[in-house]
Amino acid sequence: MVCCKKCGFGMDLWEAERMEFDLTQTDALLSTTRAVRKRLDLDREVPDDVLLECLQLAVQAPTGSNRQGWRWMVVRDTAKKKQLADIYRRAGGAYLAEAAKTVDAESQTGRVMDSANYLAQNLERVPVMVIPLIIGRLETADTNAAAGLFGSIIPAMWSFQLALRSRGLGSCYTTLHLGHEQEAAELLGIPEHMSQAGLLPVAYTKGTDFKGAKRDPVEEITYLDTYKNPIR
Protein backbone atom coordinates (compact mmCIF):
# COMPACT_ATOMS: atom_id res chain seq x y z
CA MET A 1 0.00 0.00 0.00
CA VAL A 2 1.40 3.39 -0.92
CA CYS A 3 1.79 6.07 1.71
CA CYS A 4 -0.18 8.85 0.03
CA LYS A 5 -3.86 9.31 -0.73
CA LYS A 6 -3.53 8.17 -4.32
CA CYS A 7 -2.48 4.69 -5.35
CA GLY A 8 -0.10 4.11 -8.23
CA PHE A 9 -2.93 4.06 -10.75
CA GLY A 10 -4.61 7.32 -9.82
CA MET A 11 -7.38 5.86 -7.66
CA ASP A 12 -8.22 7.09 -4.17
CA LEU A 13 -7.23 4.36 -1.72
CA TRP A 14 -10.55 4.73 0.02
CA GLU A 15 -12.31 4.24 -3.28
CA ALA A 16 -10.22 1.15 -4.01
CA GLU A 17 -11.07 -0.32 -0.62
CA ARG A 18 -14.81 0.18 -1.27
CA MET A 19 -14.62 -1.50 -4.67
CA GLU A 20 -16.72 -4.61 -5.21
CA PHE A 21 -14.92 -7.09 -7.41
CA ASP A 22 -16.53 -8.73 -10.40
CA LEU A 23 -16.07 -12.30 -9.20
CA THR A 24 -16.74 -13.73 -12.65
CA GLN A 25 -13.80 -11.82 -14.09
CA THR A 26 -11.61 -12.33 -11.04
CA ASP A 27 -12.23 -16.06 -10.91
CA ALA A 28 -11.65 -16.38 -14.66
CA LEU A 29 -8.29 -14.61 -14.33
CA LEU A 30 -7.22 -16.81 -11.42
CA SER A 31 -8.34 -20.06 -13.02
CA THR A 32 -7.08 -19.50 -16.57
CA THR A 33 -3.63 -18.00 -16.01
CA ARG A 34 -1.63 -20.89 -17.41
CA ALA A 35 2.03 -21.70 -17.92
CA VAL A 36 2.26 -20.57 -21.56
CA ARG A 37 4.97 -21.96 -23.81
CA LYS A 38 3.86 -22.95 -27.31
CA ARG A 39 1.34 -20.14 -27.53
CA LEU A 40 3.81 -17.35 -26.83
CA ASP A 41 3.95 -14.99 -29.81
CA LEU A 42 7.67 -14.90 -30.49
CA ASP A 43 7.38 -12.25 -33.20
CA ARG A 44 5.40 -9.52 -31.45
CA GLU A 45 7.22 -6.83 -29.48
CA VAL A 46 6.35 -6.22 -25.81
CA PRO A 47 6.42 -2.47 -25.05
CA ASP A 48 8.24 -1.19 -21.97
CA ASP A 49 5.17 0.65 -20.69
CA VAL A 50 3.10 -2.56 -20.60
CA LEU A 51 5.90 -4.43 -18.86
CA LEU A 52 6.38 -1.68 -16.27
CA GLU A 53 2.65 -1.46 -15.62
CA CYS A 54 2.59 -5.19 -14.83
CA LEU A 55 5.63 -4.85 -12.58
CA GLN A 56 3.98 -1.93 -10.78
CA LEU A 57 1.14 -4.27 -9.90
CA ALA A 58 3.59 -7.01 -8.96
CA VAL A 59 5.25 -4.92 -6.27
CA GLN A 60 1.93 -4.49 -4.49
CA ALA A 61 2.36 -8.12 -3.37
CA PRO A 62 3.16 -8.91 0.27
CA THR A 63 6.78 -9.48 1.20
CA GLY A 64 8.53 -10.70 4.35
CA SER A 65 8.76 -7.99 7.04
CA ASN A 66 7.73 -5.56 4.29
CA ARG A 67 11.38 -5.38 3.24
CA GLN A 68 10.53 -5.15 -0.47
CA GLY A 69 13.88 -6.69 -1.37
CA TRP A 70 12.75 -7.56 -4.86
CA ARG A 71 14.57 -6.42 -7.96
CA TRP A 72 13.68 -7.18 -11.58
CA MET A 73 16.16 -7.97 -14.33
CA VAL A 74 14.62 -7.37 -17.77
CA VAL A 75 16.59 -8.91 -20.63
CA ARG A 76 15.97 -7.76 -24.20
CA ASP A 77 19.48 -7.90 -25.66
CA THR A 78 19.58 -10.57 -28.36
CA ALA A 79 23.04 -11.84 -27.48
CA LYS A 80 22.29 -12.10 -23.77
CA LYS A 81 19.01 -13.88 -24.43
CA LYS A 82 20.89 -16.39 -26.57
CA GLN A 83 23.47 -16.95 -23.83
CA LEU A 84 20.75 -17.39 -21.19
CA ALA A 85 18.96 -19.86 -23.45
CA ASP A 86 22.21 -21.80 -23.87
CA ILE A 87 22.66 -21.87 -20.09
CA TYR A 88 19.06 -23.06 -19.72
CA ARG A 89 19.57 -25.87 -22.23
CA ARG A 90 22.86 -26.97 -20.69
CA ALA A 91 21.14 -27.16 -17.32
CA GLY A 92 18.19 -29.27 -18.47
CA GLY A 93 17.66 -29.23 -22.20
CA ALA A 94 18.87 -32.77 -22.80
CA TYR A 95 16.56 -34.08 -20.08
CA LEU A 96 13.56 -32.26 -21.56
CA ALA A 97 14.29 -33.45 -25.10
CA GLU A 98 14.66 -37.07 -24.00
CA ALA A 99 11.59 -36.96 -21.76
CA ALA A 100 9.51 -35.53 -24.59
CA LYS A 101 10.47 -38.58 -26.69
CA THR A 102 9.89 -41.25 -24.07
CA VAL A 103 6.54 -40.32 -22.49
CA ASP A 104 3.13 -40.90 -24.04
CA ALA A 105 2.64 -37.88 -26.29
CA GLU A 106 -1.14 -37.98 -25.77
CA SER A 107 -0.96 -37.97 -21.98
CA GLN A 108 -1.04 -34.83 -19.86
CA THR A 109 2.57 -35.45 -18.85
CA GLY A 110 3.52 -35.95 -22.49
CA ARG A 111 1.92 -32.68 -23.55
CA VAL A 112 3.65 -30.80 -20.74
CA MET A 113 7.04 -32.29 -21.57
CA ASP A 114 6.61 -31.53 -25.26
CA SER A 115 5.64 -27.96 -24.39
CA ALA A 116 8.59 -27.56 -22.01
CA ASN A 117 10.98 -28.93 -24.63
CA TYR A 118 9.59 -26.50 -27.20
CA LEU A 119 10.23 -23.58 -24.88
CA ALA A 120 13.79 -24.76 -24.17
CA GLN A 121 14.57 -25.01 -27.87
CA ASN A 122 13.10 -21.57 -28.64
CA LEU A 123 13.82 -19.64 -25.46
CA GLU A 124 16.11 -17.04 -27.05
CA ARG A 125 13.28 -16.04 -29.40
CA VAL A 126 10.99 -14.67 -26.68
CA PRO A 127 10.72 -10.86 -26.84
CA VAL A 128 11.56 -10.41 -23.15
CA MET A 129 13.02 -12.45 -20.32
CA VAL A 130 12.35 -11.30 -16.78
CA ILE A 131 14.51 -12.65 -13.95
CA PRO A 132 13.04 -11.84 -10.52
CA LEU A 133 15.70 -11.18 -7.89
CA ILE A 134 15.53 -11.03 -4.09
CA ILE A 135 18.12 -9.57 -1.74
CA GLY A 136 19.78 -12.34 0.26
CA ARG A 137 21.35 -15.76 -0.14
CA LEU A 138 20.60 -19.12 1.43
CA GLU A 139 23.70 -20.19 3.31
CA THR A 140 22.11 -23.37 4.73
CA ALA A 141 19.33 -25.77 3.86
CA ASP A 142 17.15 -24.29 6.60
CA THR A 143 13.48 -24.64 5.62
CA ASN A 144 12.38 -21.53 7.47
CA ALA A 145 15.05 -19.41 5.80
CA ALA A 146 14.20 -20.76 2.35
CA ALA A 147 10.48 -20.17 2.84
CA GLY A 148 11.11 -16.65 4.08
CA LEU A 149 13.50 -15.70 1.28
CA PHE A 150 11.57 -17.04 -1.68
CA GLY A 151 8.21 -16.30 -0.05
CA SER A 152 9.21 -12.65 -0.39
CA ILE A 153 9.45 -12.77 -4.19
CA ILE A 154 7.19 -15.58 -5.46
CA PRO A 155 3.90 -13.77 -4.60
CA ALA A 156 5.11 -10.80 -6.64
CA MET A 157 6.04 -13.10 -9.51
CA TRP A 158 2.54 -14.55 -9.55
CA SER A 159 0.98 -11.09 -9.42
CA PHE A 160 3.15 -10.16 -12.39
CA GLN A 161 1.93 -13.21 -14.30
CA LEU A 162 -1.70 -12.39 -13.50
CA ALA A 163 -1.19 -8.81 -14.67
CA LEU A 164 0.33 -10.11 -17.91
CA ARG A 165 -2.60 -12.44 -18.49
CA SER A 166 -5.13 -9.64 -17.99
CA ARG A 167 -3.39 -7.65 -20.74
CA GLY A 168 -3.16 -10.42 -23.31
CA LEU A 169 0.35 -11.60 -22.49
CA GLY A 170 1.61 -14.88 -21.13
CA SER A 171 4.57 -16.30 -19.26
CA CYS A 172 5.89 -19.44 -17.67
CA TYR A 173 7.68 -19.77 -14.34
CA THR A 174 10.90 -21.62 -15.13
CA THR A 175 13.92 -22.41 -12.96
CA LEU A 176 16.20 -24.63 -15.07
CA HIS A 177 18.87 -21.98 -15.61
CA LEU A 178 19.43 -21.84 -11.85
CA GLY A 179 21.51 -24.98 -12.27
CA HIS A 180 24.12 -22.50 -13.52
CA GLU A 181 22.96 -19.48 -11.52
CA GLN A 182 26.45 -18.04 -11.07
CA GLU A 183 27.10 -18.09 -14.80
CA ALA A 184 23.86 -16.21 -15.43
CA ALA A 185 24.75 -13.75 -12.68
CA GLU A 186 28.11 -13.02 -14.30
CA LEU A 187 26.47 -12.54 -17.68
CA LEU A 188 23.99 -9.99 -16.28
CA GLY A 189 26.20 -8.35 -13.66
CA ILE A 190 24.05 -9.56 -10.77
CA PRO A 191 25.91 -9.07 -7.47
CA GLU A 192 26.69 -11.94 -5.11
CA HIS A 193 24.21 -10.88 -2.42
CA MET A 194 21.22 -11.31 -4.79
CA SER A 195 19.33 -14.55 -5.43
CA GLN A 196 17.65 -15.32 -8.72
CA ALA A 197 14.18 -16.79 -8.16
CA GLY A 198 13.58 -18.07 -11.68
CA LEU A 199 13.19 -16.91 -15.25
CA LEU A 200 9.95 -15.70 -16.84
CA PRO A 201 9.76 -15.66 -20.65
CA VAL A 202 7.25 -12.92 -21.53
CA ALA A 203 5.31 -12.44 -24.77
CA TYR A 204 1.86 -11.71 -26.08
CA THR A 205 -0.13 -14.90 -26.46
CA LYS A 206 -1.58 -16.40 -29.61
CA GLY A 207 -5.19 -16.00 -28.62
CA THR A 208 -6.47 -15.50 -25.08
CA ASP A 209 -8.93 -18.40 -24.84
CA PHE A 210 -7.17 -20.31 -22.07
CA LYS A 211 -9.19 -22.68 -19.92
CA GLY A 212 -9.01 -24.00 -16.40
CA ALA A 213 -6.85 -27.07 -15.86
CA LYS A 214 -8.00 -30.45 -14.64
CA ARG A 215 -7.24 -30.71 -10.95
CA ASP A 216 -8.09 -33.14 -8.14
CA PRO A 217 -11.17 -32.17 -6.11
CA VAL A 218 -9.98 -30.00 -3.23
CA GLU A 219 -12.03 -32.11 -0.81
CA GLU A 220 -9.62 -34.99 -1.54
CA ILE A 221 -6.47 -33.01 -0.82
CA THR A 222 -7.63 -30.78 2.04
CA TYR A 223 -7.45 -32.03 5.63
CA LEU A 224 -8.91 -30.83 8.90
CA ASP A 225 -6.67 -30.67 11.99
CA THR A 226 -4.90 -33.98 11.21
CA TYR A 227 -3.17 -35.14 8.03
CA LYS A 228 -5.49 -37.24 5.85
CA ASN A 229 -8.52 -36.31 7.96
CA PRO A 230 -11.03 -35.05 5.36
CA ILE A 231 -12.41 -31.59 5.87
CA ARG A 232 -15.85 -32.94 5.00
C-alpha atoms as a PDB file:
ATOM      1  CA  MET A   1       0.000   0.000   0.000  1.00  0.00           C
ATOM      2  CA  VAL A   2       1.403   3.389  -0.924  1.00  0.00           C
ATOM      3  CA  CYS A   3       1.795   6.073   1.709  1.00  0.00           C
ATOM      4  CA  CYS A   4      -0.180   8.853   0.025  1.00  0.00           C
ATOM      5  CA  LYS A   5      -3.860   9.313  -0.728  1.00  0.00           C
ATOM      6  CA  LYS A   6      -3.526   8.174  -4.322  1.00  0.00           C
ATOM      7  CA  CYS A   7      -2.482   4.688  -5.353  1.00  0.00           C
ATOM      8  CA  GLY A   8      -0.096   4.109  -8.229  1.00  0.00           C
ATOM      9  CA  PHE A   9      -2.933   4.057 -10.754  1.00  0.00           C
ATOM     10  CA  GLY A  10      -4.615   7.318  -9.820  1.00  0.00           C
ATOM     11  CA  MET A  11      -7.385   5.857  -7.660  1.00  0.00           C
ATOM     12  CA  ASP A  12      -8.216   7.089  -4.166  1.00  0.00           C
ATOM     13  CA  LEU A  13      -7.233   4.365  -1.725  1.00  0.00           C
ATOM     14  CA  TRP A  14     -10.552   4.726   0.024  1.00  0.00           C
ATOM     15  CA  GLU A  15     -12.306   4.240  -3.283  1.00  0.00           C
ATOM     16  CA  ALA A  16     -10.218   1.153  -4.007  1.00  0.00           C
ATOM     17  CA  GLU A  17     -11.074  -0.319  -0.620  1.00  0.00           C
ATOM     18  CA  ARG A  18     -14.811   0.180  -1.268  1.00  0.00           C
ATOM     19  CA  MET A  19     -14.623  -1.503  -4.667  1.00  0.00           C
ATOM     20  CA  GLU A  20     -16.725  -4.607  -5.212  1.00  0.00           C
ATOM     21  CA  PHE A  21     -14.921  -7.095  -7.406  1.00  0.00           C
ATOM     22  CA  ASP A  22     -16.531  -8.730 -10.400  1.00  0.00           C
ATOM     23  CA  LEU A  23     -16.065 -12.296  -9.205  1.00  0.00           C
ATOM     24  CA  THR A  24     -16.738 -13.732 -12.648  1.00  0.00           C
ATOM     25  CA  GLN A  25     -13.803 -11.817 -14.093  1.00  0.00           C
ATOM     26  CA  THR A  26     -11.606 -12.328 -11.037  1.00  0.00           C
ATOM     27  CA  ASP A  27     -12.228 -16.060 -10.912  1.00  0.00           C
ATOM     28  CA  ALA A  28     -11.645 -16.382 -14.657  1.00  0.00           C
ATOM     29  CA  LEU A  29      -8.294 -14.612 -14.329  1.00  0.00           C
ATOM     30  CA  LEU A  30      -7.219 -16.813 -11.422  1.00  0.00           C
ATOM     31  CA  SER A  31      -8.337 -20.065 -13.022  1.00  0.00           C
ATOM     32  CA  THR A  32      -7.075 -19.504 -16.568  1.00  0.00           C
ATOM     33  CA  THR A  33      -3.632 -18.003 -16.005  1.00  0.00           C
ATOM     34  CA  ARG A  34      -1.630 -20.886 -17.411  1.00  0.00           C
ATOM     35  CA  ALA A  35       2.035 -21.697 -17.918  1.00  0.00           C
ATOM     36  CA  VAL A  36       2.264 -20.569 -21.555  1.00  0.00           C
ATOM     37  CA  ARG A  37       4.970 -21.960 -23.808  1.00  0.00           C
ATOM     38  CA  LYS A  38       3.861 -22.950 -27.314  1.00  0.00           C
ATOM     39  CA  ARG A  39       1.336 -20.137 -27.530  1.00  0.00           C
ATOM     40  CA  LEU A  40       3.811 -17.351 -26.835  1.00  0.00           C
ATOM     41  CA  ASP A  41       3.948 -14.995 -29.814  1.00  0.00           C
ATOM     42  CA  LEU A  42       7.673 -14.903 -30.488  1.00  0.00           C
ATOM     43  CA  ASP A  43       7.378 -12.253 -33.203  1.00  0.00           C
ATOM     44  CA  ARG A  44       5.404  -9.521 -31.445  1.00  0.00           C
ATOM     45  CA  GLU A  45       7.216  -6.835 -29.477  1.00  0.00           C
ATOM     46  CA  VAL A  46       6.352  -6.224 -25.812  1.00  0.00           C
ATOM     47  CA  PRO A  47       6.421  -2.474 -25.045  1.00  0.00           C
ATOM     48  CA  ASP A  48       8.244  -1.195 -21.972  1.00  0.00           C
ATOM     49  CA  ASP A  49       5.170   0.649 -20.687  1.00  0.00           C
ATOM     50  CA  VAL A  50       3.101  -2.560 -20.597  1.00  0.00           C
ATOM     51  CA  LEU A  51       5.903  -4.429 -18.861  1.00  0.00           C
ATOM     52  CA  LEU A  52       6.381  -1.681 -16.272  1.00  0.00           C
ATOM     53  CA  GLU A  53       2.649  -1.465 -15.616  1.00  0.00           C
ATOM     54  CA  CYS A  54       2.586  -5.188 -14.834  1.00  0.00           C
ATOM     55  CA  LEU A  55       5.629  -4.850 -12.579  1.00  0.00           C
ATOM     56  CA  GLN A  56       3.983  -1.929 -10.780  1.00  0.00           C
ATOM     57  CA  LEU A  57       1.141  -4.268  -9.904  1.00  0.00           C
ATOM     58  CA  ALA A  58       3.586  -7.011  -8.963  1.00  0.00           C
ATOM     59  CA  VAL A  59       5.252  -4.925  -6.274  1.00  0.00           C
ATOM     60  CA  GLN A  60       1.934  -4.489  -4.490  1.00  0.00           C
ATOM     61  CA  ALA A  61       2.361  -8.118  -3.371  1.00  0.00           C
ATOM     62  CA  PRO A  62       3.164  -8.907   0.271  1.00  0.00           C
ATOM     63  CA  THR A  63       6.784  -9.482   1.199  1.00  0.00           C
ATOM     64  CA  GLY A  64       8.534 -10.701   4.350  1.00  0.00           C
ATOM     65  CA  SER A  65       8.758  -7.994   7.043  1.00  0.00           C
ATOM     66  CA  ASN A  66       7.727  -5.562   4.286  1.00  0.00           C
ATOM     67  CA  ARG A  67      11.383  -5.376   3.237  1.00  0.00           C
ATOM     68  CA  GLN A  68      10.530  -5.153  -0.470  1.00  0.00           C
ATOM     69  CA  GLY A  69      13.876  -6.688  -1.371  1.00  0.00           C
ATOM     70  CA  TRP A  70      12.752  -7.561  -4.860  1.00  0.00           C
ATOM     71  CA  ARG A  71      14.565  -6.425  -7.960  1.00  0.00           C
ATOM     72  CA  TRP A  72      13.681  -7.176 -11.579  1.00  0.00           C
ATOM     73  CA  MET A  73      16.157  -7.971 -14.329  1.00  0.00           C
ATOM     74  CA  VAL A  74      14.622  -7.371 -17.774  1.00  0.00           C
ATOM     75  CA  VAL A  75      16.590  -8.911 -20.630  1.00  0.00           C
ATOM     76  CA  ARG A  76      15.967  -7.760 -24.195  1.00  0.00           C
ATOM     77  CA  ASP A  77      19.476  -7.896 -25.656  1.00  0.00           C
ATOM     78  CA  THR A  78      19.581 -10.571 -28.364  1.00  0.00           C
ATOM     79  CA  ALA A  79      23.044 -11.844 -27.481  1.00  0.00           C
ATOM     80  CA  LYS A  80      22.288 -12.099 -23.770  1.00  0.00           C
ATOM     81  CA  LYS A  81      19.005 -13.882 -24.426  1.00  0.00           C
ATOM     82  CA  LYS A  82      20.893 -16.390 -26.571  1.00  0.00           C
ATOM     83  CA  GLN A  83      23.466 -16.952 -23.826  1.00  0.00           C
ATOM     84  CA  LEU A  84      20.750 -17.387 -21.192  1.00  0.00           C
ATOM     85  CA  ALA A  85      18.963 -19.862 -23.446  1.00  0.00           C
ATOM     86  CA  ASP A  86      22.213 -21.798 -23.871  1.00  0.00           C
ATOM     87  CA  ILE A  87      22.662 -21.872 -20.087  1.00  0.00           C
ATOM     88  CA  TYR A  88      19.065 -23.063 -19.720  1.00  0.00           C
ATOM     89  CA  ARG A  89      19.565 -25.867 -22.231  1.00  0.00           C
ATOM     90  CA  ARG A  90      22.863 -26.969 -20.688  1.00  0.00           C
ATOM     91  CA  ALA A  91      21.143 -27.165 -17.318  1.00  0.00           C
ATOM     92  CA  GLY A  92      18.194 -29.274 -18.467  1.00  0.00           C
ATOM     93  CA  GLY A  93      17.665 -29.226 -22.203  1.00  0.00           C
ATOM     94  CA  ALA A  94      18.869 -32.767 -22.803  1.00  0.00           C
ATOM     95  CA  TYR A  95      16.555 -34.080 -20.081  1.00  0.00           C
ATOM     96  CA  LEU A  96      13.558 -32.263 -21.562  1.00  0.00           C
ATOM     97  CA  ALA A  97      14.295 -33.448 -25.098  1.00  0.00           C
ATOM     98  CA  GLU A  98      14.659 -37.074 -24.003  1.00  0.00           C
ATOM     99  CA  ALA A  99      11.594 -36.958 -21.760  1.00  0.00           C
ATOM    100  CA  ALA A 100       9.505 -35.530 -24.592  1.00  0.00           C
ATOM    101  CA  LYS A 101      10.469 -38.584 -26.687  1.00  0.00           C
ATOM    102  CA  THR A 102       9.893 -41.251 -24.067  1.00  0.00           C
ATOM    103  CA  VAL A 103       6.544 -40.315 -22.494  1.00  0.00           C
ATOM    104  CA  ASP A 104       3.130 -40.897 -24.038  1.00  0.00           C
ATOM    105  CA  ALA A 105       2.644 -37.883 -26.295  1.00  0.00           C
ATOM    106  CA  GLU A 106      -1.137 -37.976 -25.773  1.00  0.00           C
ATOM    107  CA  SER A 107      -0.955 -37.973 -21.983  1.00  0.00           C
ATOM    108  CA  GLN A 108      -1.044 -34.834 -19.865  1.00  0.00           C
ATOM    109  CA  THR A 109       2.569 -35.454 -18.853  1.00  0.00           C
ATOM    110  CA  GLY A 110       3.521 -35.946 -22.487  1.00  0.00           C
ATOM    111  CA  ARG A 111       1.920 -32.680 -23.555  1.00  0.00           C
ATOM    112  CA  VAL A 112       3.650 -30.801 -20.741  1.00  0.00           C
ATOM    113  CA  MET A 113       7.040 -32.292 -21.568  1.00  0.00           C
ATOM    114  CA  ASP A 114       6.610 -31.531 -25.265  1.00  0.00           C
ATOM    115  CA  SER A 115       5.644 -27.958 -24.393  1.00  0.00           C
ATOM    116  CA  ALA A 116       8.593 -27.561 -22.012  1.00  0.00           C
ATOM    117  CA  ASN A 117      10.982 -28.927 -24.626  1.00  0.00           C
ATOM    118  CA  TYR A 118       9.585 -26.499 -27.200  1.00  0.00           C
ATOM    119  CA  LEU A 119      10.234 -23.580 -24.877  1.00  0.00           C
ATOM    120  CA  ALA A 120      13.790 -24.759 -24.169  1.00  0.00           C
ATOM    121  CA  GLN A 121      14.573 -25.012 -27.871  1.00  0.00           C
ATOM    122  CA  ASN A 122      13.104 -21.575 -28.636  1.00  0.00           C
ATOM    123  CA  LEU A 123      13.824 -19.641 -25.462  1.00  0.00           C
ATOM    124  CA  GLU A 124      16.108 -17.044 -27.045  1.00  0.00           C
ATOM    125  CA  ARG A 125      13.279 -16.042 -29.400  1.00  0.00           C
ATOM    126  CA  VAL A 126      10.993 -14.669 -26.684  1.00  0.00           C
ATOM    127  CA  PRO A 127      10.717 -10.864 -26.836  1.00  0.00           C
ATOM    128  CA  VAL A 128      11.556 -10.406 -23.150  1.00  0.00           C
ATOM    129  CA  MET A 129      13.020 -12.455 -20.325  1.00  0.00           C
ATOM    130  CA  VAL A 130      12.353 -11.296 -16.776  1.00  0.00           C
ATOM    131  CA  ILE A 131      14.509 -12.645 -13.950  1.00  0.00           C
ATOM    132  CA  PRO A 132      13.043 -11.840 -10.519  1.00  0.00           C
ATOM    133  CA  LEU A 133      15.695 -11.178  -7.888  1.00  0.00           C
ATOM    134  CA  ILE A 134      15.533 -11.025  -4.092  1.00  0.00           C
ATOM    135  CA  ILE A 135      18.117  -9.566  -1.743  1.00  0.00           C
ATOM    136  CA  GLY A 136      19.783 -12.341   0.257  1.00  0.00           C
ATOM    137  CA  ARG A 137      21.348 -15.758  -0.143  1.00  0.00           C
ATOM    138  CA  LEU A 138      20.597 -19.121   1.430  1.00  0.00           C
ATOM    139  CA  GLU A 139      23.698 -20.194   3.310  1.00  0.00           C
ATOM    140  CA  THR A 140      22.107 -23.365   4.733  1.00  0.00           C
ATOM    141  CA  ALA A 141      19.326 -25.772   3.862  1.00  0.00           C
ATOM    142  CA  ASP A 142      17.147 -24.286   6.602  1.00  0.00           C
ATOM    143  CA  THR A 143      13.477 -24.636   5.619  1.00  0.00           C
ATOM    144  CA  ASN A 144      12.381 -21.535   7.468  1.00  0.00           C
ATOM    145  CA  ALA A 145      15.054 -19.407   5.803  1.00  0.00           C
ATOM    146  CA  ALA A 146      14.197 -20.764   2.350  1.00  0.00           C
ATOM    147  CA  ALA A 147      10.477 -20.168   2.836  1.00  0.00           C
ATOM    148  CA  GLY A 148      11.114 -16.648   4.076  1.00  0.00           C
ATOM    149  CA  LEU A 149      13.495 -15.703   1.283  1.00  0.00           C
ATOM    150  CA  PHE A 150      11.568 -17.044  -1.685  1.00  0.00           C
ATOM    151  CA  GLY A 151       8.212 -16.296  -0.051  1.00  0.00           C
ATOM    152  CA  SER A 152       9.207 -12.652  -0.385  1.00  0.00           C
ATOM    153  CA  ILE A 153       9.450 -12.774  -4.186  1.00  0.00           C
ATOM    154  CA  ILE A 154       7.186 -15.583  -5.460  1.00  0.00           C
ATOM    155  CA  PRO A 155       3.904 -13.775  -4.597  1.00  0.00           C
ATOM    156  CA  ALA A 156       5.110 -10.796  -6.636  1.00  0.00           C
ATOM    157  CA  MET A 157       6.044 -13.098  -9.508  1.00  0.00           C
ATOM    158  CA  TRP A 158       2.543 -14.552  -9.546  1.00  0.00           C
ATOM    159  CA  SER A 159       0.981 -11.088  -9.421  1.00  0.00           C
ATOM    160  CA  PHE A 160       3.152 -10.164 -12.387  1.00  0.00           C
ATOM    161  CA  GLN A 161       1.931 -13.213 -14.296  1.00  0.00           C
ATOM    162  CA  LEU A 162      -1.698 -12.391 -13.496  1.00  0.00           C
ATOM    163  CA  ALA A 163      -1.186  -8.813 -14.673  1.00  0.00           C
ATOM    164  CA  LEU A 164       0.335 -10.106 -17.906  1.00  0.00           C
ATOM    165  CA  ARG A 165      -2.602 -12.440 -18.492  1.00  0.00           C
ATOM    166  CA  SER A 166      -5.130  -9.639 -17.989  1.00  0.00           C
ATOM    167  CA  ARG A 167      -3.386  -7.654 -20.739  1.00  0.00           C
ATOM    168  CA  GLY A 168      -3.163 -10.420 -23.307  1.00  0.00           C
ATOM    169  CA  LEU A 169       0.348 -11.596 -22.488  1.00  0.00           C
ATOM    170  CA  GLY A 170       1.610 -14.879 -21.134  1.00  0.00           C
ATOM    171  CA  SER A 171       4.568 -16.302 -19.255  1.00  0.00           C
ATOM    172  CA  CYS A 172       5.893 -19.436 -17.673  1.00  0.00           C
ATOM    173  CA  TYR A 173       7.678 -19.771 -14.335  1.00  0.00           C
ATOM    174  CA  THR A 174      10.901 -21.621 -15.130  1.00  0.00           C
ATOM    175  CA  THR A 175      13.917 -22.415 -12.959  1.00  0.00           C
ATOM    176  CA  LEU A 176      16.199 -24.630 -15.066  1.00  0.00           C
ATOM    177  CA  HIS A 177      18.867 -21.983 -15.610  1.00  0.00           C
ATOM    178  CA  LEU A 178      19.432 -21.844 -11.847  1.00  0.00           C
ATOM    179  CA  GLY A 179      21.513 -24.977 -12.270  1.00  0.00           C
ATOM    180  CA  HIS A 180      24.121 -22.496 -13.522  1.00  0.00           C
ATOM    181  CA  GLU A 181      22.962 -19.479 -11.523  1.00  0.00           C
ATOM    182  CA  GLN A 182      26.446 -18.040 -11.075  1.00  0.00           C
ATOM    183  CA  GLU A 183      27.103 -18.094 -14.801  1.00  0.00           C
ATOM    184  CA  ALA A 184      23.859 -16.212 -15.434  1.00  0.00           C
ATOM    185  CA  ALA A 185      24.755 -13.748 -12.683  1.00  0.00           C
ATOM    186  CA  GLU A 186      28.113 -13.022 -14.300  1.00  0.00           C
ATOM    187  CA  LEU A 187      26.466 -12.535 -17.684  1.00  0.00           C
ATOM    188  CA  LEU A 188      23.994  -9.993 -16.280  1.00  0.00           C
ATOM    189  CA  GLY A 189      26.204  -8.348 -13.663  1.00  0.00           C
ATOM    190  CA  ILE A 190      24.046  -9.564 -10.771  1.00  0.00           C
ATOM    191  CA  PRO A 191      25.915  -9.069  -7.465  1.00  0.00           C
ATOM    192  CA  GLU A 192      26.691 -11.942  -5.108  1.00  0.00           C
ATOM    193  CA  HIS A 193      24.207 -10.878  -2.423  1.00  0.00           C
ATOM    194  CA  MET A 194      21.222 -11.307  -4.786  1.00  0.00           C
ATOM    195  CA  SER A 195      19.328 -14.550  -5.429  1.00  0.00           C
ATOM    196  CA  GLN A 196      17.645 -15.323  -8.720  1.00  0.00           C
ATOM    197  CA  ALA A 197      14.182 -16.791  -8.162  1.00  0.00           C
ATOM    198  CA  GLY A 198      13.581 -18.068 -11.676  1.00  0.00           C
ATOM    199  CA  LEU A 199      13.187 -16.907 -15.246  1.00  0.00           C
ATOM    200  CA  LEU A 200       9.951 -15.700 -16.840  1.00  0.00           C
ATOM    201  CA  PRO A 201       9.758 -15.662 -20.647  1.00  0.00           C
ATOM    202  CA  VAL A 202       7.249 -12.923 -21.535  1.00  0.00           C
ATOM    203  CA  ALA A 203       5.309 -12.439 -24.766  1.00  0.00           C
ATOM    204  CA  TYR A 204       1.861 -11.711 -26.077  1.00  0.00           C
ATOM    205  CA  THR A 205      -0.131 -14.903 -26.463  1.00  0.00           C
ATOM    206  CA  LYS A 206      -1.583 -16.396 -29.608  1.00  0.00           C
ATOM    207  CA  GLY A 207      -5.195 -15.999 -28.620  1.00  0.00           C
ATOM    208  CA  THR A 208      -6.469 -15.495 -25.078  1.00  0.00           C
ATOM    209  CA  ASP A 209      -8.927 -18.401 -24.838  1.00  0.00           C
ATOM    210  CA  PHE A 210      -7.169 -20.307 -22.068  1.00  0.00           C
ATOM    211  CA  LYS A 211      -9.191 -22.682 -19.923  1.00  0.00           C
ATOM    212  CA  GLY A 212      -9.015 -23.997 -16.404  1.00  0.00           C
ATOM    213  CA  ALA A 213      -6.846 -27.070 -15.863  1.00  0.00           C
ATOM    214  CA  LYS A 214      -8.005 -30.454 -14.645  1.00  0.00           C
ATOM    215  CA  ARG A 215      -7.240 -30.708 -10.948  1.00  0.00           C
ATOM    216  CA  ASP A 216      -8.090 -33.139  -8.142  1.00  0.00           C
ATOM    217  CA  PRO A 217     -11.166 -32.175  -6.113  1.00  0.00           C
ATOM    218  CA  VAL A 218      -9.979 -29.998  -3.234  1.00  0.00           C
ATOM    219  CA  GLU A 219     -12.027 -32.108  -0.809  1.00  0.00           C
ATOM    220  CA  GLU A 220      -9.623 -34.987  -1.541  1.00  0.00           C
ATOM    221  CA  ILE A 221      -6.470 -33.008  -0.823  1.00  0.00           C
ATOM    222  CA  THR A 222      -7.626 -30.782   2.041  1.00  0.00           C
ATOM    223  CA  TYR A 223      -7.446 -32.028   5.628  1.00  0.00           C
ATOM    224  CA  LEU A 224      -8.909 -30.826   8.896  1.00  0.00           C
ATOM    225  CA  ASP A 225      -6.670 -30.665  11.994  1.00  0.00           C
ATOM    226  CA  THR A 226      -4.898 -33.975  11.207  1.00  0.00           C
ATOM    227  CA  TYR A 227      -3.172 -35.144   8.031  1.00  0.00           C
ATOM    228  CA  LYS A 228      -5.494 -37.241   5.849  1.00  0.00           C
ATOM    229  CA  ASN A 229      -8.525 -36.306   7.961  1.00  0.00           C
ATOM    230  CA  PRO A 230     -11.025 -35.054   5.363  1.00  0.00           C
ATOM    231  CA  ILE A 231     -12.412 -31.591   5.865  1.00  0.00           C
ATOM    232  CA  ARG A 232     -15.853 -32.945   4.996  1.00  0.00           C
END
